[in-house]
Amino acid sequence: MKKKVKTNVGIVDAFMRITLGFSLLSMGQKKDSGWLTVLGSLKIAEGITRFCPVLHLLGRNSVKGSFCKDIMDDIERVIED
């Protein structure tokens, strides 16, 4: 049975990651930088799969505006304290 990975990256965020990834990938190839190439490849993969391991570890989600809601909830908690 296949497990489906739950997406935690929204559509707009995914397109931004893919665009940034291709930019970093081309810069890495032009400057012969392995780090930029790897980082660009990771961003492209995150955009295509719509899953970000860092967001997963932080318990965040950018699907349907929930990321902004989480940030606003955090700000309200800080103001109340």
N, C-alpha and C. Protein backbone atom coordinates (compact mmCIF):
# COMPACT_ATOMS: atom_id res chain seq x y z
N MET A 1 0.84 -1.17 0.00
CA MET A 1 0.00 0.00 0.00
C MET A 1 0.89 1.25 0.00
N LYS A 2 0.58 2.18 -0.89
CA LYS A 2 1.37 3.40 -0.98
C LYS A 2 0.93 4.40 0.06
N LYS A 3 1.91 5.04 0.68
CA LYS A 3 1.61 6.13 1.60
C LYS A 3 1.67 7.43 0.83
N LYS A 4 0.68 8.28 1.03
CA LYS A 4 0.67 9.57 0.36
C LYS A 4 1.30 10.60 1.30
N VAL A 5 2.27 11.34 0.79
CA VAL A 5 2.91 12.39 1.58
C VAL A 5 1.95 13.56 1.65
N LYS A 6 1.70 14.04 2.84
CA LYS A 6 0.81 15.18 3.02
C LYS A 6 1.53 16.45 2.58
N THR A 7 0.89 17.22 1.72
CA THR A 7 1.51 18.46 1.24
C THR A 7 1.45 19.52 2.33
N ASN A 8 2.51 20.31 2.44
CA ASN A 8 2.52 21.41 3.39
C ASN A 8 2.98 22.71 2.72
N VAL A 9 2.98 22.72 1.39
CA VAL A 9 3.38 23.90 0.63
C VAL A 9 2.22 24.27 -0.30
N GLY A 10 1.78 25.52 -0.21
CA GLY A 10 0.69 25.99 -1.05
C GLY A 10 1.11 26.18 -2.50
N ILE A 11 0.12 26.44 -3.36
CA ILE A 11 0.37 26.58 -4.81
C ILE A 11 1.31 27.74 -5.10
N VAL A 12 1.02 28.92 -4.55
CA VAL A 12 1.86 30.09 -4.82
C VAL A 12 3.27 29.86 -4.28
N ASP A 13 3.35 29.30 -3.09
CA ASP A 13 4.65 28.99 -2.48
C ASP A 13 5.41 27.99 -3.35
N ALA A 14 4.71 27.01 -3.91
CA ALA A 14 5.36 26.01 -4.76
C ALA A 14 5.92 26.65 -6.03
N PHE A 15 5.15 27.54 -6.66
CA PHE A 15 5.64 28.21 -7.86
C PHE A 15 6.85 29.09 -7.54
N MET A 16 6.83 29.76 -6.38
CA MET A 16 7.97 30.58 -5.98
C MET A 16 9.20 29.72 -5.75
N ARG A 17 9.02 28.56 -5.13
CA ARG A 17 10.15 27.65 -4.88
C ARG A 17 10.73 27.13 -6.19
N ILE A 18 9.86 26.79 -7.15
CA ILE A 18 10.34 26.29 -8.44
C ILE A 18 11.10 27.38 -9.18
N THR A 19 10.56 28.60 -9.18
CA THR A 19 11.23 29.72 -9.85
C THR A 19 12.58 30.01 -9.21
N LEU A 20 12.60 30.11 -7.88
CA LEU A 20 13.85 30.34 -7.16
C LEU A 20 14.83 29.20 -7.40
N GLY A 21 14.30 27.97 -7.42
CA GLY A 21 15.15 26.80 -7.63
C GLY A 21 15.84 26.82 -8.98
N PHE A 22 15.09 27.16 -10.04
CA PHE A 22 15.72 27.23 -11.36
C PHE A 22 16.73 28.36 -11.44
N SER A 23 16.45 29.47 -10.75
CA SER A 23 17.42 30.57 -10.72
C SER A 23 18.70 30.15 -10.02
N LEU A 24 18.56 29.51 -8.86
CA LEU A 24 19.75 29.04 -8.12
C LEU A 24 20.49 27.96 -8.91
N LEU A 25 19.74 27.09 -9.55
CA LEU A 25 20.36 26.02 -10.35
C LEU A 25 21.19 26.59 -11.49
N SER A 26 20.65 27.58 -12.19
CA SER A 26 21.40 28.17 -13.30
C SER A 26 22.60 28.97 -12.80
N MET A 27 22.43 29.69 -11.68
CA MET A 27 23.58 30.41 -11.11
C MET A 27 24.66 29.45 -10.67
N GLY A 28 24.25 28.33 -10.06
CA GLY A 28 25.22 27.33 -9.62
C GLY A 28 25.98 26.72 -10.77
N GLN A 29 25.29 26.49 -11.88
CA GLN A 29 25.96 25.93 -13.06
C GLN A 29 26.91 26.95 -13.67
N LYS A 30 26.48 28.20 -13.73
CA LYS A 30 27.31 29.24 -14.33
C LYS A 30 28.57 29.51 -13.50
N LYS A 31 28.41 29.55 -12.17
CA LYS A 31 29.55 29.85 -11.29
C LYS A 31 30.29 28.59 -10.85
N ASP A 32 29.85 27.43 -11.33
CA ASP A 32 30.44 26.15 -10.97
C ASP A 32 30.43 25.96 -9.44
N SER A 33 29.28 26.27 -8.84
CA SER A 33 29.12 26.15 -7.40
C SER A 33 28.21 24.97 -7.09
N GLY A 34 28.76 23.99 -6.43
CA GLY A 34 27.99 22.80 -6.07
C GLY A 34 26.87 23.10 -5.09
N TRP A 35 27.15 24.02 -4.14
CA TRP A 35 26.15 24.35 -3.13
C TRP A 35 24.92 25.00 -3.74
N LEU A 36 25.11 25.95 -4.65
CA LEU A 36 23.98 26.60 -5.29
C LEU A 36 23.19 25.61 -6.15
N THR A 37 23.89 24.72 -6.80
CA THR A 37 23.23 23.71 -7.64
C THR A 37 22.38 22.78 -6.79
N VAL A 38 22.92 22.33 -5.68
CA VAL A 38 22.18 21.43 -4.79
C VAL A 38 20.99 22.15 -4.17
N LEU A 39 21.19 23.38 -3.70
CA LEU A 39 20.11 24.15 -3.10
C LEU A 39 18.99 24.41 -4.12
N GLY A 40 19.37 24.74 -5.34
CA GLY A 40 18.38 24.95 -6.40
C GLY A 40 17.61 23.68 -6.69
N SER A 41 18.29 22.56 -6.74
CA SER A 41 17.64 21.27 -6.99
C SER A 41 16.66 20.93 -5.87
N LEU A 42 17.05 21.21 -4.63
CA LEU A 42 16.15 20.94 -3.49
C LEU A 42 14.90 21.80 -3.57
N LYS A 43 15.06 23.08 -3.91
CA LYS A 43 13.90 23.98 -4.01
C LYS A 43 12.97 23.54 -5.13
N ILE A 44 13.51 23.08 -6.25
CA ILE A 44 12.68 22.59 -7.34
C ILE A 44 11.91 21.35 -6.88
N ALA A 45 12.58 20.44 -6.20
CA ALA A 45 11.92 19.23 -5.71
C ALA A 45 10.82 19.56 -4.71
N GLU A 46 11.07 20.52 -3.81
CA GLU A 46 10.05 20.94 -2.85
C GLU A 46 8.84 21.53 -3.56
N GLY A 47 9.10 22.31 -4.59
CA GLY A 47 7.98 22.91 -5.32
C GLY A 47 7.16 21.89 -6.08
N ILE A 48 7.82 20.90 -6.67
CA ILE A 48 7.10 19.88 -7.44
C ILE A 48 6.30 18.96 -6.52
N THR A 49 6.91 18.52 -5.43
CA THR A 49 6.22 17.60 -4.52
C THR A 49 5.30 18.32 -3.55
N ARG A 50 5.48 19.64 -3.43
CA ARG A 50 4.71 20.47 -2.50
C ARG A 50 4.89 19.99 -1.06
N PHE A 51 6.08 19.53 -0.74
CA PHE A 51 6.41 19.11 0.62
C PHE A 51 7.76 19.70 1.00
N CYS A 52 7.80 20.39 2.14
CA CYS A 52 9.05 20.97 2.64
C CYS A 52 9.37 20.34 3.99
N PRO A 53 10.50 19.65 4.11
CA PRO A 53 10.85 19.01 5.38
C PRO A 53 11.05 20.01 6.52
N VAL A 54 11.54 21.20 6.22
CA VAL A 54 11.75 22.21 7.28
C VAL A 54 10.40 22.66 7.84
N LEU A 55 9.43 22.94 6.97
CA LEU A 55 8.10 23.32 7.44
C LEU A 55 7.49 22.18 8.25
N HIS A 56 7.73 20.95 7.82
CA HIS A 56 7.21 19.78 8.53
C HIS A 56 7.79 19.72 9.95
N LEU A 57 9.11 19.93 10.06
CA LEU A 57 9.75 19.88 11.38
C LEU A 57 9.27 21.01 12.29
N LEU A 58 8.96 22.17 11.70
CA LEU A 58 8.48 23.31 12.48
C LEU A 58 6.98 23.25 12.74
N GLY A 59 6.31 22.29 12.13
CA GLY A 59 4.87 22.16 12.31
C GLY A 59 4.09 23.24 11.58
N ARG A 60 4.66 23.80 10.53
CA ARG A 60 4.03 24.88 9.78
C ARG A 60 3.44 24.35 8.49
N ASN A 61 2.61 25.17 7.85
CA ASN A 61 1.90 24.77 6.65
C ASN A 61 1.57 26.03 5.87
N SER A 62 1.83 26.06 4.58
CA SER A 62 1.51 27.24 3.78
C SER A 62 0.36 26.98 2.81
N VAL A 63 -0.38 25.91 3.04
CA VAL A 63 -1.52 25.57 2.18
C VAL A 63 -2.74 26.39 2.61
N LYS A 64 -3.38 27.04 1.65
CA LYS A 64 -4.61 27.81 1.87
C LYS A 64 -4.49 28.85 2.98
N GLY A 65 -3.37 29.54 3.05
CA GLY A 65 -3.23 30.65 3.98
C GLY A 65 -3.05 30.26 5.43
N SER A 66 -2.91 28.98 5.75
CA SER A 66 -2.78 28.59 7.14
C SER A 66 -1.47 29.08 7.74
N PHE A 67 -0.44 29.27 6.89
CA PHE A 67 0.84 29.76 7.39
C PHE A 67 0.69 31.17 7.96
N CYS A 68 -0.03 32.03 7.22
CA CYS A 68 -0.27 33.39 7.70
C CYS A 68 -1.11 33.38 8.97
N LYS A 69 -2.08 32.47 9.04
CA LYS A 69 -2.92 32.37 10.23
C LYS A 69 -2.08 31.95 11.42
N ASP A 70 -1.16 30.99 11.23
CA ASP A 70 -0.29 30.56 12.32
C ASP A 70 0.58 31.70 12.82
N ILE A 71 1.10 32.50 11.90
CA ILE A 71 1.94 33.64 12.29
C ILE A 71 1.13 34.65 13.08
N MET A 72 -0.08 34.95 12.60
CA MET A 72 -0.94 35.92 13.31
C MET A 72 -1.31 35.40 14.70
N ASP A 73 -1.58 34.09 14.83
CA ASP A 73 -1.88 33.52 16.14
C ASP A 73 -0.68 33.65 17.07
N ASP A 74 0.54 33.41 16.55
CA ASP A 74 1.75 33.56 17.36
C ASP A 74 1.93 35.00 17.81
N ILE A 75 1.68 35.96 16.93
CA ILE A 75 1.80 37.38 17.28
C ILE A 75 0.79 37.75 18.35
N GLU A 76 -0.44 37.28 18.22
CA GLU A 76 -1.46 37.57 19.22
C GLU A 76 -1.10 37.00 20.58
N ARG A 77 -0.51 35.78 20.59
CA ARG A 77 -0.08 35.19 21.86
C ARG A 77 1.02 36.01 22.51
N VAL A 78 1.95 36.52 21.72
CA VAL A 78 3.04 37.33 22.28
C VAL A 78 2.49 38.64 22.84
N ILE A 79 1.54 39.24 22.13
CA ILE A 79 0.95 40.51 22.59
C ILE A 79 0.19 40.30 23.89
N GLU A 80 -0.53 39.18 23.99
CA GLU A 80 -1.32 38.90 25.20
C GLU A 80 -0.45 38.64 26.41
N ASP A 81 0.74 38.07 26.20
CA ASP A 81 1.63 37.73 27.33
C ASP A 81 2.35 38.91 27.80
